[in-house]
């Protein structure tokens, strides 16, 4: 386990960078040209990023980026 001491400006920067990366992944997951195996890797990366995001972002922002389970996920 690691500890990290960062100021408020750095927290906002982390939030911004993680949001941007998650938005790109969400956009790419809708692209039907991308192979299923690649999408699985992207899903795993999204999970890691979301875990980091939950540590720095307010709960309301976290709700916006929560993903549904595979059964409830919309196609298209």
PDB file of N, CA and C in Angstrom:
ATOM      1  N   UNK A   1       0.847  -1.177   0.000  1.00  0.00           N
ATOM      2  CA  UNK A   1       0.000   0.000   0.000  1.00  0.00           C
ATOM      3  C   UNK A   1       0.887   1.233   0.000  1.00  0.00           C
ATOM      4  N   UNK A   2       0.448   2.238  -0.754  1.00  0.00           N
ATOM      5  CA  UNK A   2       1.179   3.481  -0.851  1.00  0.00           C
ATOM      6  C   UNK A   2       0.323   4.622  -0.325  1.00  0.00           C
ATOM      7  N   UNK A   3       0.971   5.634   0.187  1.00  0.00           N
ATOM      8  CA  UNK A   3       0.283   6.842   0.593  1.00  0.00           C
ATOM      9  C   UNK A   3       0.687   7.965  -0.357  1.00  0.00           C
ATOM     10  N   UNK A   4      -0.185   8.930  -0.534  1.00  0.00           N
ATOM     11  CA  UNK A   4       0.084  10.026  -1.449  1.00  0.00           C
ATOM     12  C   UNK A   4      -0.486  11.300  -0.856  1.00  0.00           C
ATOM     13  N   UNK A   5       0.339  12.299  -0.755  1.00  0.00           N
ATOM     14  CA  UNK A   5      -0.101  13.580  -0.216  1.00  0.00           C
ATOM     15  C   UNK A   5      -0.114  14.595  -1.364  1.00  0.00           C
ATOM     16  N   UNK A   6      -1.310  15.054  -1.727  1.00  0.00           N
ATOM     17  CA  UNK A   6      -1.442  15.996  -2.835  1.00  0.00           C
ATOM     18  C   UNK A   6      -2.361  17.145  -2.424  1.00  0.00           C
ATOM     19  N   UNK A   7      -2.143  18.289  -3.052  1.00  0.00           N
ATOM     20  CA  UNK A   7      -2.981  19.442  -2.710  1.00  0.00           C
ATOM     21  C   UNK A   7      -4.249  19.460  -3.580  1.00  0.00           C
ATOM     22  N   UNK A   8      -5.122  20.401  -3.328  1.00  0.00           N
ATOM     23  CA  UNK A   8      -6.418  20.461  -4.008  1.00  0.00           C
ATOM     24  C   UNK A   8      -6.269  20.665  -5.513  1.00  0.00           C
ATOM     25  N   UNK A   9      -5.329  21.480  -5.913  1.00  0.00           N
ATOM     26  CA  UNK A   9      -5.104  21.714  -7.352  1.00  0.00           C
ATOM     27  C   UNK A   9      -4.689  20.413  -8.039  1.00  0.00           C
ATOM     28  N   UNK A  10      -3.841  19.630  -7.392  1.00  0.00           N
ATOM     29  CA  UNK A  10      -3.405  18.357  -7.962  1.00  0.00           C
ATOM     30  C   UNK A  10      -4.553  17.343  -8.013  1.00  0.00           C
ATOM     31  N   UNK A  11      -5.439  17.389  -7.027  1.00  0.00           N
ATOM     32  CA  UNK A  11      -6.611  16.506  -7.036  1.00  0.00           C
ATOM     33  C   UNK A  11      -7.489  16.832  -8.243  1.00  0.00           C
ATOM     34  N   UNK A  12      -7.727  18.111  -8.484  1.00  0.00           N
ATOM     35  CA  UNK A  12      -8.545  18.527  -9.629  1.00  0.00           C
ATOM     36  C   UNK A  12      -7.901  18.096 -10.943  1.00  0.00           C
ATOM     37  N   UNK A  13      -6.597  18.191 -11.025  1.00  0.00           N
ATOM     38  CA  UNK A  13      -5.892  17.764 -12.235  1.00  0.00           C
ATOM     39  C   UNK A  13      -6.015  16.253 -12.442  1.00  0.00           C
ATOM     40  N   UNK A  14      -5.902  15.496 -11.353  1.00  0.00           N
ATOM     41  CA  UNK A  14      -6.079  14.043 -11.448  1.00  0.00           C
ATOM     42  C   UNK A  14      -7.498  13.707 -11.900  1.00  0.00           C
ATOM     43  N   UNK A  15      -8.484  14.372 -11.328  1.00  0.00           N
ATOM     44  CA  UNK A  15      -9.877  14.167 -11.728  1.00  0.00           C
ATOM     45  C   UNK A  15     -10.043  14.408 -13.222  1.00  0.00           C
ATOM     46  N   UNK A  16      -9.515  15.519 -13.685  1.00  0.00           N
ATOM     47  CA  UNK A  16      -9.640  15.878 -15.093  1.00  0.00           C
ATOM     48  C   UNK A  16      -9.001  14.826 -16.000  1.00  0.00           C
ATOM     49  N   UNK A  17      -7.786  14.407 -15.675  1.00  0.00           N
ATOM     50  CA  UNK A  17      -7.080  13.434 -16.508  1.00  0.00           C
ATOM     51  C   UNK A  17      -7.784  12.077 -16.527  1.00  0.00           C
ATOM     52  N   UNK A  18      -8.253  11.648 -15.379  1.00  0.00           N
ATOM     53  CA  UNK A  18      -8.936  10.353 -15.301  1.00  0.00           C
ATOM     54  C   UNK A  18     -10.270  10.417 -16.056  1.00  0.00           C
ATOM     55  N   UNK A  19     -11.016  11.509 -15.893  1.00  0.00           N
ATOM     56  CA  UNK A  19     -12.283  11.675 -16.617  1.00  0.00           C
ATOM     57  C   UNK A  19     -12.056  11.618 -18.118  1.00  0.00           C
ATOM     58  N   UNK A  20     -11.040  12.315 -18.566  1.00  0.00           N
ATOM     59  CA  UNK A  20     -10.740  12.351 -19.996  1.00  0.00           C
ATOM     60  C   UNK A  20     -10.435  10.958 -20.534  1.00  0.00           C
ATOM     61  N   UNK A  21      -9.633  10.220 -19.809  1.00  0.00           N
ATOM     62  CA  UNK A  21      -9.274   8.865 -20.234  1.00  0.00           C
ATOM     63  C   UNK A  21     -10.503   7.953 -20.218  1.00  0.00           C
ATOM     64  N   UNK A  22     -11.334   8.058 -19.178  1.00  0.00           N
ATOM     65  CA  UNK A  22     -12.540   7.229 -19.107  1.00  0.00           C
ATOM     66  C   UNK A  22     -13.507   7.588 -20.237  1.00  0.00           C
ATOM     67  N   UNK A  23     -13.627   8.871 -20.562  1.00  0.00           N
ATOM     68  CA  UNK A  23     -14.497   9.285 -21.668  1.00  0.00           C
ATOM     69  C   UNK A  23     -14.026   8.688 -22.996  1.00  0.00           C
ATOM     70  N   UNK A  24     -12.725   8.676 -23.213  1.00  0.00           N
ATOM     71  CA  UNK A  24     -12.184   8.080 -24.436  1.00  0.00           C
ATOM     72  C   UNK A  24     -12.485   6.593 -24.504  1.00  0.00           C
ATOM     73  N   UNK A  25     -12.328   5.908 -23.392  1.00  0.00           N
ATOM     74  CA  UNK A  25     -12.614   4.472 -23.360  1.00  0.00           C
ATOM     75  C   UNK A  25     -14.091   4.227 -23.633  1.00  0.00           C
ATOM     76  N   UNK A  26     -14.963   4.987 -22.991  1.00  0.00           N
ATOM     77  CA  UNK A  26     -16.400   4.813 -23.210  1.00  0.00           C
ATOM     78  C   UNK A  26     -16.766   5.049 -24.672  1.00  0.00           C
ATOM     79  N   UNK A  27     -16.148   6.032 -25.276  1.00  0.00           N
ATOM     80  CA  UNK A  27     -16.399   6.309 -26.690  1.00  0.00           C
ATOM     81  C   UNK A  27     -15.947   5.134 -27.553  1.00  0.00           C
ATOM     82  N   UNK A  28     -14.743   4.628 -27.294  1.00  0.00           N
ATOM     83  CA  UNK A  28     -14.203   3.514 -28.081  1.00  0.00           C
ATOM     84  C   UNK A  28     -14.974   2.218 -27.871  1.00  0.00           C
ATOM     85  N   UNK A  29     -15.541   2.018 -26.698  1.00  0.00           N
ATOM     86  CA  UNK A  29     -16.304   0.788 -26.444  1.00  0.00           C
ATOM     87  C   UNK A  29     -17.552   0.717 -27.320  1.00  0.00           C
ATOM     88  N   UNK A  30     -18.043   1.852 -27.786  1.00  0.00           N
ATOM     89  CA  UNK A  30     -19.215   1.862 -28.664  1.00  0.00           C
ATOM     90  C   UNK A  30     -18.866   1.602 -30.125  1.00  0.00           C
ATOM     91  N   UNK A  31     -17.580   1.626 -30.438  1.00  0.00           N
ATOM     92  CA  UNK A  31     -17.126   1.423 -31.817  1.00  0.00           C
ATOM     93  C   UNK A  31     -17.162  -0.064 -32.155  1.00  0.00           C
ATOM     94  N   UNK A  32     -18.008  -0.422 -33.098  1.00  0.00           N
ATOM     95  CA  UNK A  32     -18.174  -1.828 -33.454  1.00  0.00           C
ATOM     96  C   UNK A  32     -16.997  -2.392 -34.243  1.00  0.00           C
ATOM     97  N   UNK A  33     -16.127  -1.533 -34.743  1.00  0.00           N
ATOM     98  CA  UNK A  33     -14.965  -2.011 -35.503  1.00  0.00           C
ATOM     99  C   UNK A  33     -13.872  -2.575 -34.598  1.00  0.00           C
ATOM    100  N   UNK A  34     -13.924  -2.243 -33.307  1.00  0.00           N
ATOM    101  CA  UNK A  34     -12.892  -2.695 -32.375  1.00  0.00           C
ATOM    102  C   UNK A  34     -13.193  -4.117 -31.933  1.00  0.00           C
ATOM    103  N   UNK A  35     -12.162  -4.948 -31.963  1.00  0.00           N
ATOM    104  CA  UNK A  35     -12.273  -6.365 -31.631  1.00  0.00           C
ATOM    105  C   UNK A  35     -12.710  -6.571 -30.175  1.00  0.00           C
ATOM    106  N   UNK A  36     -13.444  -7.646 -29.948  1.00  0.00           N
ATOM    107  CA  UNK A  36     -13.960  -7.985 -28.618  1.00  0.00           C
ATOM    108  C   UNK A  36     -12.835  -8.141 -27.582  1.00  0.00           C
ATOM    109  N   UNK A  37     -11.737  -8.730 -27.985  1.00  0.00           N
ATOM    110  CA  UNK A  37     -10.604  -8.933 -27.060  1.00  0.00           C
ATOM    111  C   UNK A  37     -10.035  -7.590 -26.618  1.00  0.00           C
ATOM    112  N   UNK A  38      -9.924  -6.681 -27.553  1.00  0.00           N
ATOM    113  CA  UNK A  38      -9.423  -5.337 -27.236  1.00  0.00           C
ATOM    114  C   UNK A  38     -10.396  -4.619 -26.303  1.00  0.00           C
ATOM    115  N   UNK A  39     -11.684  -4.793 -26.561  1.00  0.00           N
ATOM    116  CA  UNK A  39     -12.689  -4.153 -25.702  1.00  0.00           C
ATOM    117  C   UNK A  39     -12.625  -4.704 -24.278  1.00  0.00           C
ATOM    118  N   UNK A  40     -12.332  -5.996 -24.128  1.00  0.00           N
ATOM    119  CA  UNK A  40     -12.183  -6.561 -22.786  1.00  0.00           C
ATOM    120  C   UNK A  40     -11.023  -5.902 -22.047  1.00  0.00           C
ATOM    121  N   UNK A  41      -9.917  -5.685 -22.740  1.00  0.00           N
ATOM    122  CA  UNK A  41      -8.767  -5.012 -22.132  1.00  0.00           C
ATOM    123  C   UNK A  41      -9.129  -3.574 -21.755  1.00  0.00           C
ATOM    124  N   UNK A  42      -9.912  -2.926 -22.609  1.00  0.00           N
ATOM    125  CA  UNK A  42     -10.348  -1.557 -22.323  1.00  0.00           C
ATOM    126  C   UNK A  42     -11.258  -1.530 -21.098  1.00  0.00           C
ATOM    127  N   UNK A  43     -12.127  -2.531 -20.967  1.00  0.00           N
ATOM    128  CA  UNK A  43     -13.012  -2.629 -19.793  1.00  0.00           C
ATOM    129  C   UNK A  43     -12.173  -2.752 -18.515  1.00  0.00           C
ATOM    130  N   UNK A  44     -11.134  -3.566 -18.560  1.00  0.00           N
ATOM    131  CA  UNK A  44     -10.266  -3.738 -17.390  1.00  0.00           C
ATOM    132  C   UNK A  44      -9.571  -2.425 -17.032  1.00  0.00           C
ATOM    133  N   UNK A  45      -9.099  -1.729 -18.041  1.00  0.00           N
ATOM    134  CA  UNK A  45      -8.444  -0.431 -17.796  1.00  0.00           C
ATOM    135  C   UNK A  45      -9.444   0.558 -17.199  1.00  0.00           C
ATOM    136  N   UNK A  46     -10.673   0.545 -17.709  1.00  0.00           N
ATOM    137  CA  UNK A  46     -11.710   1.429 -17.188  1.00  0.00           C
ATOM    138  C   UNK A  46     -11.952   1.148 -15.705  1.00  0.00           C
ATOM    139  N   UNK A  47     -11.986  -0.125 -15.331  1.00  0.00           N
ATOM    140  CA  UNK A  47     -12.207  -0.488 -13.923  1.00  0.00           C
ATOM    141  C   UNK A  47     -11.113   0.085 -13.031  1.00  0.00           C
ATOM    142  N   UNK A  48      -9.869  -0.012 -13.479  1.00  0.00           N
ATOM    143  CA  UNK A  48      -8.746   0.532 -12.696  1.00  0.00           C
ATOM    144  C   UNK A  48      -8.863   2.043 -12.581  1.00  0.00           C
ATOM    145  N   UNK A  49      -9.144   2.702 -13.696  1.00  0.00           N
ATOM    146  CA  UNK A  49      -9.289   4.161 -13.681  1.00  0.00           C
ATOM    147  C   UNK A  49     -10.452   4.606 -12.800  1.00  0.00           C
ATOM    148  N   UNK A  50     -11.561   3.879 -12.860  1.00  0.00           N
ATOM    149  CA  UNK A  50     -12.708   4.248 -12.045  1.00  0.00           C
ATOM    150  C   UNK A  50     -12.392   4.088 -10.563  1.00  0.00           C
ATOM    151  N   UNK A  51     -11.644   3.054 -10.209  1.00  0.00           N
ATOM    152  CA  UNK A  51     -11.239   2.860  -8.812  1.00  0.00           C
ATOM    153  C   UNK A  51     -10.399   4.051  -8.333  1.00  0.00           C
ATOM    154  N   UNK A  52      -9.482   4.508  -9.169  1.00  0.00           N
ATOM    155  CA  UNK A  52      -8.688   5.693  -8.828  1.00  0.00           C
ATOM    156  C   UNK A  52      -9.577   6.930  -8.736  1.00  0.00           C
ATOM    157  N   UNK A  53     -10.487   7.053  -9.687  1.00  0.00           N
ATOM    158  CA  UNK A  53     -11.385   8.205  -9.738  1.00  0.00           C
ATOM    159  C   UNK A  53     -12.233   8.313  -8.478  1.00  0.00           C
ATOM    160  N   UNK A  54     -12.719   7.171  -7.996  1.00  0.00           N
ATOM    161  CA  UNK A  54     -13.550   7.166  -6.787  1.00  0.00           C
ATOM    162  C   UNK A  54     -12.806   7.721  -5.584  1.00  0.00           C
ATOM    163  N   UNK A  55     -11.497   7.607  -5.584  1.00  0.00           N
ATOM    164  CA  UNK A  55     -10.705   8.084  -4.442  1.00  0.00           C
ATOM    165  C   UNK A  55     -10.542   9.597  -4.414  1.00  0.00           C
ATOM    166  N   UNK A  56     -10.689  10.246  -5.573  1.00  0.00           N
ATOM    167  CA  UNK A  56     -10.445  11.695  -5.610  1.00  0.00           C
ATOM    168  C   UNK A  56     -11.675  12.514  -5.965  1.00  0.00           C
ATOM    169  N   UNK A  57     -12.684  11.890  -6.558  1.00  0.00           N
ATOM    170  CA  UNK A  57     -13.837  12.645  -7.068  1.00  0.00           C
ATOM    171  C   UNK A  57     -15.000  12.639  -6.082  1.00  0.00           C
ATOM    172  N   UNK A  58     -15.831  13.666  -6.142  1.00  0.00           N
ATOM    173  CA  UNK A  58     -17.042  13.687  -5.321  1.00  0.00           C
ATOM    174  C   UNK A  58     -18.017  12.587  -5.781  1.00  0.00           C
ATOM    175  N   UNK A  59     -18.842  12.094  -4.864  1.00  0.00           N
ATOM    176  CA  UNK A  59     -19.771  11.004  -5.192  1.00  0.00           C
ATOM    177  C   UNK A  59     -20.669  11.273  -6.399  1.00  0.00           C
ATOM    178  N   UNK A  60     -21.139  12.502  -6.571  1.00  0.00           N
ATOM    179  CA  UNK A  60     -22.009  12.811  -7.719  1.00  0.00           C
ATOM    180  C   UNK A  60     -21.297  12.592  -9.051  1.00  0.00           C
ATOM    181  N   UNK A  61     -20.009  12.946  -9.109  1.00  0.00           N
ATOM    182  CA  UNK A  61     -19.237  12.704 -10.329  1.00  0.00           C
ATOM    183  C   UNK A  61     -19.034  11.213 -10.556  1.00  0.00           C
ATOM    184  N   UNK A  62     -18.855  10.470  -9.477  1.00  0.00           N
ATOM    185  CA  UNK A  62     -18.653   9.027  -9.599  1.00  0.00           C
ATOM    186  C   UNK A  62     -19.892   8.352 -10.184  1.00  0.00           C
ATOM    187  N   UNK A  63     -21.060   8.826  -9.804  1.00  0.00           N
ATOM    188  CA  UNK A  63     -22.296   8.244 -10.314  1.00  0.00           C
ATOM    189  C   UNK A  63     -22.388   8.368 -11.834  1.00  0.00           C
ATOM    190  N   UNK A  64     -21.880   9.466 -12.367  1.00  0.00           N
ATOM    191  CA  UNK A  64     -21.933   9.687 -13.812  1.00  0.00           C
ATOM    192  C   UNK A  64     -21.099   8.665 -14.577  1.00  0.00           C
ATOM    193  N   UNK A  65     -20.067   8.137 -13.944  1.00  0.00           N
ATOM    194  CA  UNK A  65     -19.145   7.234 -14.628  1.00  0.00           C
ATOM    195  C   UNK A  65     -19.319   5.766 -14.243  1.00  0.00           C
ATOM    196  N   UNK A  66     -20.317   5.485 -13.408  1.00  0.00           N
ATOM    197  CA  UNK A  66     -20.573   4.087 -13.052  1.00  0.00           C
ATOM    198  C   UNK A  66     -21.111   3.353 -14.278  1.00  0.00           C
ATOM    199  N   UNK A  67     -20.630   2.136 -14.477  1.00  0.00           N
ATOM    200  CA  UNK A  67     -21.092   1.331 -15.605  1.00  0.00           C
ATOM    201  C   UNK A  67     -22.081   0.305 -15.106  1.00  0.00           C
ATOM    202  N   UNK A  68     -23.023  -0.028 -15.960  1.00  0.00           N
ATOM    203  CA  UNK A  68     -23.979  -1.092 -15.625  1.00  0.00           C
ATOM    204  C   UNK A  68     -23.300  -2.431 -15.811  1.00  0.00           C
ATOM    205  N   UNK A  69     -23.923  -3.471 -15.238  1.00  0.00           N
ATOM    206  CA  UNK A  69     -23.436  -4.821 -15.463  1.00  0.00           C
ATOM    207  C   UNK A  69     -23.609  -5.195 -16.923  1.00  0.00           C
ATOM    208  N   UNK A  70     -22.983  -6.264 -17.362  1.00  0.00           N
ATOM    209  CA  UNK A  70     -23.045  -6.655 -18.772  1.00  0.00           C
ATOM    210  C   UNK A  70     -24.462  -6.912 -19.242  1.00  0.00           C
ATOM    211  N   UNK A  71     -25.320  -7.434 -18.378  1.00  0.00           N
ATOM    212  CA  UNK A  71     -26.705  -7.717 -18.788  1.00  0.00           C
ATOM    213  C   UNK A  71     -27.481  -6.448 -19.081  1.00  0.00           C
ATOM    214  N   UNK A  72     -27.259  -5.392 -18.273  1.00  0.00           N
ATOM    215  CA  UNK A  72     -28.038  -4.176 -18.425  1.00  0.00           C
ATOM    216  C   UNK A  72     -27.413  -3.179 -19.378  1.00  0.00           C
ATOM    217  N   UNK A  73     -26.299  -3.511 -19.966  1.00  0.00           N
ATOM    218  CA  UNK A  73     -25.580  -2.580 -20.811  1.00  0.00           C
ATOM    219  C   UNK A  73     -26.297  -2.406 -22.143  1.00  0.00           C
ATOM    220  N   UNK A  74     -26.415  -1.153 -22.560  1.00  0.00           N
ATOM    221  CA  UNK A  74     -27.076  -0.855 -23.830  1.00  0.00           C
ATOM    222  C   UNK A  74     -26.110  -1.142 -24.976  1.00  0.00           C
ATOM    223  N   UNK A  75     -26.639  -1.570 -26.075  1.00  0.00           N
ATOM    224  CA  UNK A  75     -25.830  -1.744 -27.274  1.00  0.00           C
ATOM    225  C   UNK A  75     -26.092  -0.554 -28.188  1.00  0.00           C
ATOM    226  N   UNK A  76     -25.015  -0.097 -28.832  1.00  0.00           N
ATOM    227  CA  UNK A  76     -25.184   0.981 -29.806  1.00  0.00           C
ATOM    228  C   UNK A  76     -24.956   2.315 -29.281  1.00  0.00           C
TER     229      UNK A  76
END
